[in-house]
C-alpha atoms as a PDB file:
ATOM      1  CA  UNK A   1      88.746  97.607  85.869  1.00  0.00           C
ATOM      2  CA  UNK A   2      86.149  98.014  83.125  1.00  0.00           C
ATOM      3  CA  UNK A   3      82.727  98.918  83.548  1.00  0.00           C
ATOM      4  CA  UNK A   4      79.976  98.429  81.159  1.00  0.00           C
ATOM      5  CA  UNK A   5      76.890  99.999  81.341  1.00  0.00           C
ATOM      6  CA  UNK A   6      74.530  96.625  81.857  1.00  0.00           C
ATOM      7  CA  UNK A   7      77.293  95.306  84.208  1.00  0.00           C
ATOM      8  CA  UNK A   8      77.633  95.252  87.636  1.00  0.00           C
ATOM      9  CA  UNK A   9      81.320  96.177  88.940  1.00  0.00           C
ATOM     10  CA  UNK A  10      82.914  93.377  90.880  1.00  0.00           C
ATOM     11  CA  UNK A  11      82.981  94.342  94.106  1.00  0.00           C
ATOM     12  CA  UNK A  12      84.851  90.744  95.454  1.00  0.00           C
ATOM     13  CA  UNK A  13      88.230  92.565  95.574  1.00  0.00           C
ATOM     14  CA  UNK A  14      86.475  94.402  98.860  1.00  0.00           C
ATOM     15  CA  UNK A  15      88.049  93.287 101.940  1.00  0.00           C
ATOM     16  CA  UNK A  16      85.140  92.219 104.065  1.00  0.00           C
ATOM     17  CA  UNK A  17      84.311  89.003 106.160  1.00  0.00           C
ATOM     18  CA  UNK A  18      82.836  86.211 104.730  1.00  0.00           C
ATOM     19  CA  UNK A  19      79.185  86.088 106.443  1.00  0.00           C
ATOM     20  CA  UNK A  20      78.894  89.943 104.897  1.00  0.00           C
ATOM     21  CA  UNK A  21      77.853  91.492 101.469  1.00  0.00           C
ATOM     22  CA  UNK A  22      78.495  94.590  99.635  1.00  0.00           C
ATOM     23  CA  UNK A  23      75.236  96.148  98.759  1.00  0.00           C
ATOM     24  CA  UNK A  24      75.108  98.763  95.818  1.00  0.00           C
ATOM     25  CA  UNK A  25      72.616 102.056  96.856  1.00  0.00           C
ATOM     26  CA  UNK A  26      71.102 102.929  93.350  1.00  0.00           C
ATOM     27  CA  UNK A  27      68.491 106.140  92.685  1.00  0.00           C
ATOM     28  CA  UNK A  28      65.263 104.140  92.060  1.00  0.00           C
ATOM     29  CA  UNK A  29      64.513 106.225  89.049  1.00  0.00           C
ATOM     30  CA  UNK A  30      67.675 107.133  87.724  1.00  0.00           C
ATOM     31  CA  UNK A  31      69.547 103.920  88.980  1.00  0.00           C
ATOM     32  CA  UNK A  32      72.787 106.028  89.309  1.00  0.00           C
ATOM     33  CA  UNK A  33      74.785 104.671  91.848  1.00  0.00           C
ATOM     34  CA  UNK A  34      74.906 106.543  94.986  1.00  0.00           C
ATOM     35  CA  UNK A  35      77.280 104.602  97.049  1.00  0.00           C
ATOM     36  CA  UNK A  36      77.950 101.022  98.270  1.00  0.00           C
ATOM     37  CA  UNK A  37      76.751  99.882 101.924  1.00  0.00           C
ATOM     38  CA  UNK A  38      78.150  96.810 103.887  1.00  0.00           C
ATOM     39  CA  UNK A  39      75.186  94.055 104.867  1.00  0.00           C
ATOM     40  CA  UNK A  40      76.158  91.911 107.858  1.00  0.00           C
ATOM     41  CA  UNK A  41      73.844  88.429 106.946  1.00  0.00           C
ATOM     42  CA  UNK A  42      72.015  86.643 109.510  1.00  0.00           C
ATOM     43  CA  UNK A  43      73.859  83.292 110.383  1.00  0.00           C
ATOM     44  CA  UNK A  44      77.193  84.851 111.616  1.00  0.00           C
ATOM     45  CA  UNK A  45      76.436  84.010 115.045  1.00  0.00           C
ATOM     46  CA  UNK A  46      76.531  80.434 113.726  1.00  0.00           C
ATOM     47  CA  UNK A  47      80.073  80.160 113.483  1.00  0.00           C
ATOM     48  CA  UNK A  48      81.101  78.224 116.723  1.00  0.00           C
ATOM     49  CA  UNK A  49      85.211  78.401 118.285  1.00  0.00           C
ATOM     50  CA  UNK A  50      86.543  75.050 117.129  1.00  0.00           C
ATOM     51  CA  UNK A  51      86.737  72.283 119.963  1.00  0.00           C
ATOM     52  CA  UNK A  52      90.216  71.433 122.043  1.00  0.00           C
ATOM     53  CA  UNK A  53      91.498  68.266 120.773  1.00  0.00           C
ATOM     54  CA  UNK A  54      93.332  66.558 123.815  1.00  0.00           C
END
């Protein structure tokens, strides 16, 4: 995996539910990557169980 200074790393391979996203935590002054946090989107409760078919 190659990382350029102006290019954000690709976190698409992070194992996470579809309704969540990985958020980069950066220092506002130096723009240094401090860490990653998982943010769960609102709307995850919209997922309904499939109705039984008879």
